[in-house]
Amino acid sequence: MPRSTELLGGLLLGLAALVVSGGAAGQAAQQGQSAGSPAAPVRSMEDLAPPAQQGGIQGQNIFDVKPEVKPDASSDPDYMKQSNAERNKVQPGNSGPMWHAIARGVEGYSSLPKSQAPEAGILIQPPVQYPGSRMTTAGEAWRQVRNNWLIPYGGALVLIALGALAIFYFSRGPIGHHDAVGGGGRRIERFTPFERSAHWANAIAFSILAISGLVMAFGKFFLLPVLGGALYGWLTYALKNLHNFAGPVFAVSLVIVLITFVRDEFPQSGDLRWMLKLGGVFRKSGQELPAHRFNAGEKVVFWIGAFVLGLIAVASGLVMDHLIPNLVYDRGTMQIAHMVHAVATVLMMTLFALHIYLGTIGYRGAYTAMRHGYVDEAWAQEHHAYWHEDIKAGRIAAHRSQPPAAAGDVETARPA
């Protein structure tokens, strides 16, 4: 017990000494003890503040005091007026003035020399307003035209045309009463082998271009969810290359078709009446109005679909394929060519959809005539009465691809 009492007393005396020394140190700190004196212990956050803030301003917390701001480049009153070169002198890497200028519609340049490419030094195109877009940079304007007009309205037009043809077929059925063969009477050569080969070359090339173009433009809406990204990517890649190869074939065959058939495509007597009454296909009797070798509807398809829209589509497609010599292929040229190409091809596909329908399931005997080249007199009289009259009168030869001696051998022949 005596030993325990001594230990307890020593411990109490030690704690008392610590308390006394701590209080003395605190008083020395408050009285401005010199810097060489031992540091006072920190008992609160206020002890961290400088002496001037520990009692100089009563009731103010250290966290309410704003830190000192050192002057930098942004404190310059002309900071927002600096050019990009001036800004990089005081803040290297800060290209804010350039992007602010681009947002206001100023063309942006890069450090690449323009001599290397037509627009190697152009970073952002200058502002422009394409039809259907607002005034903005050319790339954004093209994107607005494509996404807001060409894709939705072009796709809707194609679907409306196909739906209208389907409704007409199921409500009206095929037009005509006679097939191209089997009606009896004399055989008449409607298309020569050269005319048929030119037509089929152009038709096959057009079909490849139309299918591949529709997939590339609209495929992500109806094929991508079904096929998945990997398979759809390979499909569009293959169709894009096929599109590029079929384009020149279509261009050459289109010129040949235009030259081959143009002499029979000019307006003639009776064409206006045929057009005003749509050939009489909506008559209850089903009797068609008389027409020449090509009726007025076929002539409209020829001049508007093949000649005007076809040549525009070919020209714009050759530009996008970089096949026009001595032309500057910059972004602006390609954007305009794409928009023109898209409009022309959508309108052409819509018009040619009617032509394909009438040339296959919509017109009895039309496909057989283009495949084999011959029709009989009953078919010619029903669908092209004026042309049949000219043949009977001898103004047009009944057989144009064979000499007269051999023509009689096919009078009663039937295609295989």
Protein backbone atom coordinates (compact mmCIF):
# COMPACT_ATOMS: atom_id res chain seq x y z
CA MET A 1 0.00 0.00 0.00
CA PRO A 2 2.68 2.60 0.79
CA ARG A 3 4.29 1.86 -2.58
CA SER A 4 0.94 2.27 -4.45
CA THR A 5 0.24 5.51 -2.67
CA GLU A 6 3.56 6.91 -3.81
CA LEU A 7 2.94 5.98 -7.46
CA LEU A 8 -0.54 7.53 -7.49
CA GLY A 9 0.75 10.73 -5.96
CA GLY A 10 3.53 11.00 -8.53
CA LEU A 11 1.05 10.60 -11.41
CA LEU A 12 -1.20 13.34 -10.08
CA LEU A 13 1.75 15.70 -9.67
CA GLY A 14 2.83 15.05 -13.27
CA LEU A 15 -0.64 15.86 -14.66
CA ALA A 16 -0.75 19.05 -12.63
CA ALA A 17 2.62 20.10 -14.04
CA LEU A 18 1.38 19.57 -17.61
CA VAL A 19 -1.72 21.67 -17.01
CA VAL A 20 0.33 24.50 -15.52
CA SER A 21 2.88 24.45 -18.36
CA GLY A 22 0.06 24.43 -20.98
CA GLY A 23 -1.62 27.42 -19.40
CA ALA A 24 1.64 29.30 -19.23
CA ALA A 25 2.34 28.60 -22.91
CA GLY A 26 -1.13 29.83 -23.88
CA GLN A 27 -0.62 33.07 -21.95
CA ALA A 28 2.76 33.55 -23.56
CA ALA A 29 1.22 33.12 -27.05
CA GLN A 30 -1.50 35.65 -26.28
CA GLN A 31 1.07 38.16 -25.02
CA GLY A 32 3.01 37.95 -28.29
CA GLN A 33 5.73 35.50 -27.31
CA SER A 34 8.78 35.70 -29.59
CA ALA A 35 9.21 33.43 -32.63
CA GLY A 36 11.90 31.47 -30.90
CA SER A 37 9.60 30.38 -28.06
CA PRO A 38 8.02 26.93 -28.14
CA ALA A 39 4.86 26.76 -30.31
CA ALA A 40 1.57 26.78 -28.47
CA PRO A 41 -0.73 23.80 -28.92
CA VAL A 42 -3.72 24.21 -31.29
CA ARG A 43 -7.01 23.95 -29.46
CA SER A 44 -9.46 25.29 -32.13
CA MET A 45 -9.67 26.27 -35.82
CA GLU A 46 -9.34 29.91 -34.85
CA ASP A 47 -5.77 29.20 -33.69
CA LEU A 48 -4.93 28.55 -37.41
CA ALA A 49 -5.86 32.09 -38.45
CA PRO A 50 -3.25 34.88 -38.47
CA PRO A 51 -3.16 37.05 -35.33
CA ALA A 52 -4.74 39.92 -37.26
CA GLN A 53 -7.81 37.79 -37.91
CA GLN A 54 -8.04 36.28 -34.41
CA GLY A 55 -9.47 39.33 -32.80
CA GLY A 56 -9.07 42.14 -35.25
CA ILE A 57 -12.48 41.58 -36.81
CA GLN A 58 -14.97 40.38 -34.28
CA GLY A 59 -17.59 37.81 -35.35
CA GLN A 60 -15.90 36.96 -38.69
CA ASN A 61 -15.16 33.32 -39.55
CA ILE A 62 -12.00 32.34 -41.40
CA PHE A 63 -14.05 30.54 -44.06
CA ASP A 64 -15.88 33.76 -44.95
CA VAL A 65 -12.66 35.45 -46.01
CA LYS A 66 -12.06 35.27 -49.82
CA PRO A 67 -8.60 34.18 -50.89
CA GLU A 68 -6.35 36.65 -52.58
CA VAL A 69 -6.63 36.54 -56.42
CA LYS A 70 -3.40 37.00 -58.29
CA PRO A 71 -3.63 38.95 -61.55
CA ASP A 72 -3.42 36.81 -64.71
CA ALA A 73 -4.27 37.06 -68.41
CA SER A 74 -8.03 37.00 -67.80
CA SER A 75 -7.83 40.19 -65.71
CA ASP A 76 -6.91 42.11 -68.86
CA PRO A 77 -9.91 44.32 -69.79
CA ASP A 78 -9.37 43.37 -73.45
CA TYR A 79 -9.24 39.65 -72.69
CA MET A 80 -12.38 38.80 -74.69
CA LYS A 81 -11.18 40.90 -77.62
CA GLN A 82 -7.95 39.00 -78.06
CA SER A 83 -7.24 37.13 -81.28
CA ASN A 84 -6.19 33.52 -81.18
CA ALA A 85 -2.51 34.50 -81.62
CA GLU A 86 -2.71 37.03 -78.79
CA ARG A 87 -4.41 34.55 -76.48
CA ASN A 88 -1.74 31.91 -77.12
CA LYS A 89 0.97 34.35 -76.04
CA VAL A 90 -0.51 34.74 -72.56
CA GLN A 91 -2.28 31.36 -72.32
CA PRO A 92 -0.55 28.78 -74.56
CA GLY A 93 -2.97 26.17 -75.87
CA ASN A 94 -6.08 28.28 -75.28
CA SER A 95 -7.88 28.45 -78.66
CA GLY A 96 -11.03 30.01 -77.25
CA PRO A 97 -11.10 33.01 -79.64
CA MET A 98 -11.04 30.74 -82.68
CA TRP A 99 -13.98 28.63 -81.49
CA HIS A 100 -15.95 31.74 -80.48
CA ALA A 101 -15.38 33.09 -83.98
CA ILE A 102 -16.50 29.80 -85.55
CA ALA A 103 -19.69 29.91 -83.49
CA ARG A 104 -20.35 33.34 -84.96
CA GLY A 105 -19.90 31.90 -88.47
CA VAL A 106 -16.26 32.71 -89.20
CA GLU A 107 -14.30 30.16 -91.20
CA GLY A 108 -11.65 28.30 -89.20
CA TYR A 109 -8.18 27.57 -90.55
CA SER A 110 -5.52 25.07 -89.61
CA SER A 111 -1.77 25.38 -90.01
CA LEU A 112 -1.63 23.02 -92.98
CA PRO A 113 -0.67 24.77 -96.23
CA LYS A 114 -3.43 24.99 -98.81
CA SER A 115 -1.02 24.01 -101.56
CA GLN A 116 -1.12 20.37 -100.41
CA ALA A 117 -4.87 19.95 -101.02
CA PRO A 118 -7.77 22.18 -102.13
CA GLU A 119 -8.85 22.86 -98.56
CA ALA A 120 -6.07 21.42 -96.41
CA GLY A 121 -5.88 24.65 -94.46
CA ILE A 122 -9.63 24.88 -93.77
CA LEU A 123 -10.62 23.46 -90.41
CA ILE A 124 -14.27 24.60 -90.34
CA GLN A 125 -16.23 25.56 -93.45
CA PRO A 126 -17.68 29.06 -93.73
CA PRO A 127 -21.39 29.64 -93.04
CA VAL A 128 -23.94 28.90 -95.72
CA GLN A 129 -27.69 28.37 -95.93
CA TYR A 130 -28.72 25.41 -98.05
CA PRO A 131 -32.41 25.00 -98.96
CA GLY A 132 -34.06 23.63 -95.85
CA SER A 133 -31.30 24.60 -93.41
CA ARG A 134 -30.58 27.61 -91.26
CA MET A 135 -27.55 29.85 -91.67
CA THR A 136 -24.71 27.85 -90.14
CA THR A 137 -21.44 26.21 -91.10
CA ALA A 138 -21.66 24.29 -94.38
CA GLY A 139 -21.15 20.89 -92.79
CA GLU A 140 -23.92 21.44 -90.26
CA ALA A 141 -26.20 22.87 -92.98
CA TRP A 142 -25.71 19.75 -95.10
CA ARG A 143 -26.45 17.55 -92.08
CA GLN A 144 -29.70 19.44 -91.42
CA VAL A 145 -30.84 19.03 -95.04
CA ARG A 146 -30.06 15.32 -95.04
CA ASN A 147 -31.54 14.42 -91.65
CA ASN A 148 -34.51 16.81 -91.65
CA TRP A 149 -35.60 16.65 -95.29
CA LEU A 150 -33.97 14.07 -97.55
CA ILE A 151 -34.25 11.05 -95.26
CA PRO A 152 -37.77 11.49 -93.80
CA TYR A 153 -39.52 12.97 -96.84
CA GLY A 154 -37.61 10.92 -99.40
CA GLY A 155 -38.40 7.71 -97.57
CA ALA A 156 -42.04 8.70 -97.19
CA LEU A 157 -42.33 9.44 -100.92
CA VAL A 158 -40.96 6.02 -101.87
CA LEU A 159 -43.30 4.25 -99.46
CA ILE A 160 -46.32 6.24 -100.68
CA ALA A 161 -45.52 5.36 -104.30
CA LEU A 162 -45.16 1.65 -103.55
CA GLY A 163 -48.32 1.65 -101.45
CA ALA A 164 -50.31 3.40 -104.18
CA LEU A 165 -49.18 0.86 -106.78
CA ALA A 166 -50.12 -2.02 -104.48
CA ILE A 167 -53.58 -0.56 -103.89
CA PHE A 168 -54.08 -0.01 -107.63
CA TYR A 169 -53.04 -3.56 -108.47
CA PHE A 170 -55.32 -5.24 -105.94
CA SER A 171 -58.26 -3.00 -106.83
CA ARG A 172 -57.82 -2.80 -110.62
CA GLY A 173 -55.70 -5.80 -111.53
CA PRO A 174 -53.57 -6.07 -114.70
CA ILE A 175 -54.46 -3.73 -117.55
CA GLY A 176 -55.48 -5.18 -120.91
CA HIS A 177 -57.23 -8.23 -122.27
CA HIS A 178 -54.62 -9.67 -124.63
CA ASP A 179 -51.17 -11.03 -123.94
CA ALA A 180 -48.29 -10.21 -126.26
CA VAL A 181 -48.51 -13.68 -127.80
CA GLY A 182 -51.33 -16.09 -128.36
CA GLY A 183 -53.84 -13.55 -129.62
CA GLY A 184 -53.60 -14.64 -133.23
CA GLY A 185 -52.81 -12.54 -136.25
CA ARG A 186 -49.56 -11.30 -137.68
CA ARG A 187 -46.45 -11.08 -135.51
CA ILE A 188 -44.98 -7.58 -135.12
CA GLU A 189 -41.48 -6.79 -133.93
CA ARG A 190 -41.85 -4.25 -131.15
CA PHE A 191 -38.22 -4.14 -129.96
CA THR A 192 -35.07 -5.13 -131.86
CA PRO A 193 -32.34 -7.17 -130.14
CA PHE A 194 -30.19 -4.06 -129.82
CA GLU A 195 -33.04 -2.09 -128.20
CA ARG A 196 -33.75 -4.90 -125.78
CA SER A 197 -30.10 -5.36 -124.82
CA ALA A 198 -29.70 -1.61 -124.18
CA HIS A 199 -32.91 -1.54 -122.13
CA TRP A 200 -32.01 -4.58 -120.02
CA ALA A 201 -28.47 -3.34 -119.35
CA ASN A 202 -29.89 -0.05 -118.15
CA ALA A 203 -32.68 -1.73 -116.18
CA ILE A 204 -30.34 -4.13 -114.36
CA ALA A 205 -27.89 -1.36 -113.52
CA PHE A 206 -30.73 0.83 -112.27
CA SER A 207 -32.09 -1.97 -110.08
CA ILE A 208 -28.67 -2.48 -108.48
CA LEU A 209 -28.29 1.25 -107.88
CA ALA A 210 -31.81 1.62 -106.49
CA ILE A 211 -31.57 -1.31 -104.07
CA SER A 212 -28.09 -0.39 -102.83
CA GLY A 213 -29.02 3.27 -102.53
CA LEU A 214 -32.15 2.52 -100.53
CA VAL A 215 -30.20 0.27 -98.15
CA MET A 216 -27.45 2.84 -97.66
CA ALA A 217 -29.93 5.66 -97.06
CA PHE A 218 -32.68 3.91 -95.10
CA GLY A 219 -31.26 0.52 -94.14
CA LYS A 220 -30.42 1.51 -90.58
CA PHE A 221 -34.14 1.94 -89.92
CA PHE A 222 -35.35 -1.48 -91.15
CA LEU A 223 -32.30 -3.72 -91.65
CA LEU A 224 -29.92 -2.80 -88.85
CA PRO A 225 -32.31 -3.92 -86.05
CA VAL A 226 -32.79 -7.26 -87.84
CA LEU A 227 -29.26 -8.07 -89.04
CA GLY A 228 -27.22 -6.49 -86.27
CA GLY A 229 -24.29 -4.14 -86.57
CA ALA A 230 -21.64 -6.54 -87.88
CA LEU A 231 -23.67 -8.11 -90.70
CA TYR A 232 -25.29 -4.83 -91.64
CA GLY A 233 -21.88 -3.17 -91.84
CA TRP A 234 -20.57 -5.80 -94.25
CA LEU A 235 -23.75 -5.61 -96.32
CA THR A 236 -23.62 -1.84 -96.73
CA TYR A 237 -19.90 -2.00 -97.52
CA ALA A 238 -20.51 -4.53 -100.29
CA LEU A 239 -23.49 -2.60 -101.65
CA LYS A 240 -21.52 0.65 -101.63
CA ASN A 241 -18.81 -0.89 -103.84
CA LEU A 242 -21.45 -2.49 -106.07
CA HIS A 243 -23.15 0.92 -106.32
CA ASN A 244 -19.90 2.52 -107.49
CA PHE A 245 -19.35 -0.12 -110.19
CA ALA A 246 -22.96 -0.10 -111.43
CA GLY A 247 -23.02 3.70 -111.70
CA PRO A 248 -20.82 3.99 -114.83
CA VAL A 249 -22.69 1.08 -116.45
CA PHE A 250 -25.96 2.89 -115.87
CA ALA A 251 -24.50 6.14 -117.22
CA VAL A 252 -23.33 4.57 -120.50
CA SER A 253 -26.46 2.48 -121.02
CA LEU A 254 -28.68 5.47 -120.24
CA VAL A 255 -27.07 7.49 -123.03
CA ILE A 256 -27.55 4.57 -125.42
CA VAL A 257 -31.21 4.19 -124.40
CA LEU A 258 -31.87 7.89 -124.87
CA ILE A 259 -30.33 7.90 -128.35
CA THR A 260 -32.04 4.65 -129.34
CA PHE A 261 -35.61 5.55 -128.42
CA VAL A 262 -35.67 9.34 -128.74
CA ARG A 263 -37.16 9.41 -132.27
CA ASP A 264 -40.39 7.75 -131.02
CA GLU A 265 -40.64 9.78 -127.80
CA PHE A 266 -41.57 13.18 -129.21
CA PRO A 267 -45.16 14.41 -128.68
CA GLN A 268 -47.65 13.38 -131.35
CA SER A 269 -51.33 13.82 -132.05
CA GLY A 270 -53.54 12.19 -129.46
CA ASP A 271 -50.92 12.32 -126.67
CA LEU A 272 -52.59 15.23 -124.85
CA ARG A 273 -55.97 13.52 -124.92
CA TRP A 274 -54.38 10.29 -123.67
CA MET A 275 -52.68 12.14 -120.81
CA LEU A 276 -55.80 14.06 -119.75
CA LYS A 277 -57.76 10.82 -119.47
CA LEU A 278 -54.80 8.71 -118.26
CA GLY A 279 -55.17 6.40 -121.23
CA GLY A 280 -58.66 5.37 -120.22
CA VAL A 281 -57.40 2.81 -117.70
CA PHE A 282 -60.06 3.93 -115.23
CA ARG A 283 -62.90 3.43 -117.70
CA LYS A 284 -65.49 0.84 -116.74
CA SER A 285 -65.20 -0.72 -120.19
CA GLY A 286 -61.43 -1.04 -119.75
CA GLN A 287 -60.87 0.12 -123.33
CA GLU A 288 -57.70 2.13 -123.73
CA LEU A 289 -57.32 5.28 -125.79
CA PRO A 290 -55.30 4.91 -128.99
CA ALA A 291 -51.58 5.63 -128.75
CA HIS A 292 -48.50 5.56 -130.93
CA ARG A 293 -45.54 3.24 -130.39
CA PHE A 294 -45.14 4.78 -126.94
CA ASN A 295 -48.10 6.33 -125.17
CA ALA A 296 -48.01 9.71 -123.43
CA GLY A 297 -47.29 8.17 -120.04
CA GLU A 298 -44.23 6.36 -121.39
CA LYS A 299 -43.05 9.60 -122.95
CA VAL A 300 -43.33 11.41 -119.61
CA VAL A 301 -41.22 8.70 -117.99
CA PHE A 302 -38.69 9.02 -120.82
CA TRP A 303 -38.29 12.80 -120.75
CA ILE A 304 -38.67 13.49 -117.03
CA GLY A 305 -37.46 10.23 -115.52
CA ALA A 306 -34.71 9.16 -117.92
CA PHE A 307 -33.61 12.35 -119.64
CA VAL A 308 -33.87 15.04 -116.94
CA LEU A 309 -33.63 13.14 -113.65
CA GLY A 310 -31.45 10.40 -115.10
CA LEU A 311 -28.83 12.77 -116.46
CA ILE A 312 -28.84 14.80 -113.22
CA ALA A 313 -28.38 11.64 -111.18
CA VAL A 314 -25.57 10.46 -113.46
CA ALA A 315 -23.76 13.80 -113.41
CA SER A 316 -23.96 14.17 -109.62
CA GLY A 317 -22.97 10.54 -109.13
CA LEU A 318 -19.89 10.96 -111.33
CA VAL A 319 -18.92 13.97 -109.22
CA MET A 320 -19.19 11.94 -106.01
CA ASP A 321 -17.10 9.19 -107.62
CA HIS A 322 -14.43 11.78 -108.57
CA LEU A 323 -14.78 10.87 -112.25
CA ILE A 324 -15.18 14.40 -113.65
CA PRO A 325 -11.75 15.70 -114.72
CA ASN A 326 -10.44 19.14 -113.76
CA LEU A 327 -13.02 19.57 -110.97
CA VAL A 328 -12.08 20.77 -107.50
CA TYR A 329 -13.36 18.08 -105.14
CA ASP A 330 -13.75 19.99 -101.89
CA ARG A 331 -16.32 19.47 -99.17
CA GLY A 332 -18.73 22.08 -100.53
CA THR A 333 -18.77 20.45 -103.96
CA MET A 334 -19.42 17.01 -102.48
CA GLN A 335 -22.19 18.29 -100.21
CA ILE A 336 -24.05 19.94 -103.09
CA ALA A 337 -23.52 16.90 -105.33
CA HIS A 338 -24.92 14.60 -102.63
CA MET A 339 -28.05 16.69 -102.07
CA VAL A 340 -28.72 16.99 -105.82
CA HIS A 341 -28.08 13.26 -106.29
CA ALA A 342 -30.42 12.30 -103.45
CA VAL A 343 -33.30 14.45 -104.71
CA ALA A 344 -32.91 13.31 -108.33
CA THR A 345 -32.64 9.61 -107.50
CA VAL A 346 -35.60 9.57 -105.11
CA LEU A 347 -37.82 11.26 -107.70
CA MET A 348 -36.49 8.97 -110.43
CA MET A 349 -37.10 5.83 -108.34
CA THR A 350 -40.64 6.99 -107.62
CA LEU A 351 -41.35 7.57 -111.31
CA PHE A 352 -39.59 4.40 -112.45
CA ALA A 353 -41.52 2.38 -109.89
CA LEU A 354 -44.62 3.08 -112.02
CA HIS A 355 -42.71 2.14 -115.17
CA ILE A 356 -41.47 -1.13 -113.63
CA TYR A 357 -44.96 -1.95 -112.36
CA LEU A 358 -46.58 -1.42 -115.77
CA GLY A 359 -43.76 -3.28 -117.51
CA THR A 360 -44.16 -6.40 -115.35
CA ILE A 361 -47.38 -7.25 -113.53
CA GLY A 362 -49.42 -4.15 -114.31
CA TYR A 363 -49.71 -4.52 -118.10
CA ARG A 364 -50.53 -7.83 -119.74
CA GLY A 365 -47.89 -8.71 -122.31
CA ALA A 366 -45.52 -5.79 -121.59
CA TYR A 367 -42.80 -7.95 -120.04
CA THR A 368 -43.09 -10.57 -122.80
CA ALA A 369 -42.72 -7.87 -125.45
CA MET A 370 -39.50 -6.55 -123.92
CA ARG A 371 -38.12 -10.03 -123.29
CA HIS A 372 -38.80 -11.59 -126.72
CA GLY A 373 -39.31 -8.47 -128.82
CA TYR A 374 -42.51 -9.58 -130.60
CA VAL A 375 -46.23 -8.95 -130.11
CA ASP A 376 -49.24 -9.98 -132.13
CA GLU A 377 -51.72 -7.69 -133.86
CA ALA A 378 -54.40 -8.04 -131.18
CA TRP A 379 -52.06 -6.71 -128.49
CA ALA A 380 -50.81 -3.90 -130.71
CA GLN A 381 -54.37 -2.88 -131.62
CA GLU A 382 -55.50 -2.83 -127.99
CA HIS A 383 -52.62 -0.85 -126.47
CA HIS A 384 -51.05 1.10 -129.36
CA ALA A 385 -53.72 1.53 -132.02
CA TYR A 386 -52.01 4.43 -133.88
CA TRP A 387 -48.78 2.44 -134.10
CA HIS A 388 -50.66 -0.59 -135.40
CA GLU A 389 -52.35 1.53 -138.07
CA ASP A 390 -48.98 2.86 -139.25
CA ILE A 391 -47.69 -0.70 -139.53
CA LYS A 392 -50.72 -1.83 -141.54
CA ALA A 393 -50.35 1.20 -143.81
CA GLY A 394 -46.69 0.39 -144.39
CA ARG A 395 -45.39 3.61 -142.84
CA ILE A 396 -43.53 1.56 -140.19
CA ALA A 397 -41.85 -1.77 -140.90
CA ALA A 398 -43.32 -4.75 -139.08
CA HIS A 399 -39.84 -6.30 -138.83
CA ARG A 400 -36.88 -3.97 -138.43
CA SER A 401 -34.06 -6.27 -137.34
CA GLN A 402 -34.27 -8.83 -140.19
CA PRO A 403 -34.20 -8.58 -143.98
CA PRO A 404 -37.57 -8.93 -145.76
CA ALA A 405 -36.75 -12.47 -146.98
CA ALA A 406 -36.30 -13.75 -143.46
CA ALA A 407 -39.13 -11.72 -141.97
CA GLY A 408 -41.79 -14.08 -143.24
CA ASP A 409 -40.21 -16.94 -141.36
CA VAL A 410 -41.20 -15.39 -138.02
CA GLU A 411 -44.76 -14.44 -138.89
CA THR A 412 -46.19 -17.37 -137.06
CA ALA A 413 -43.25 -18.21 -134.81
CA ARG A 414 -43.62 -18.13 -131.08
CA PRO A 415 -40.86 -17.13 -128.67
CA ALA A 416 -39.26 -19.93 -126.72
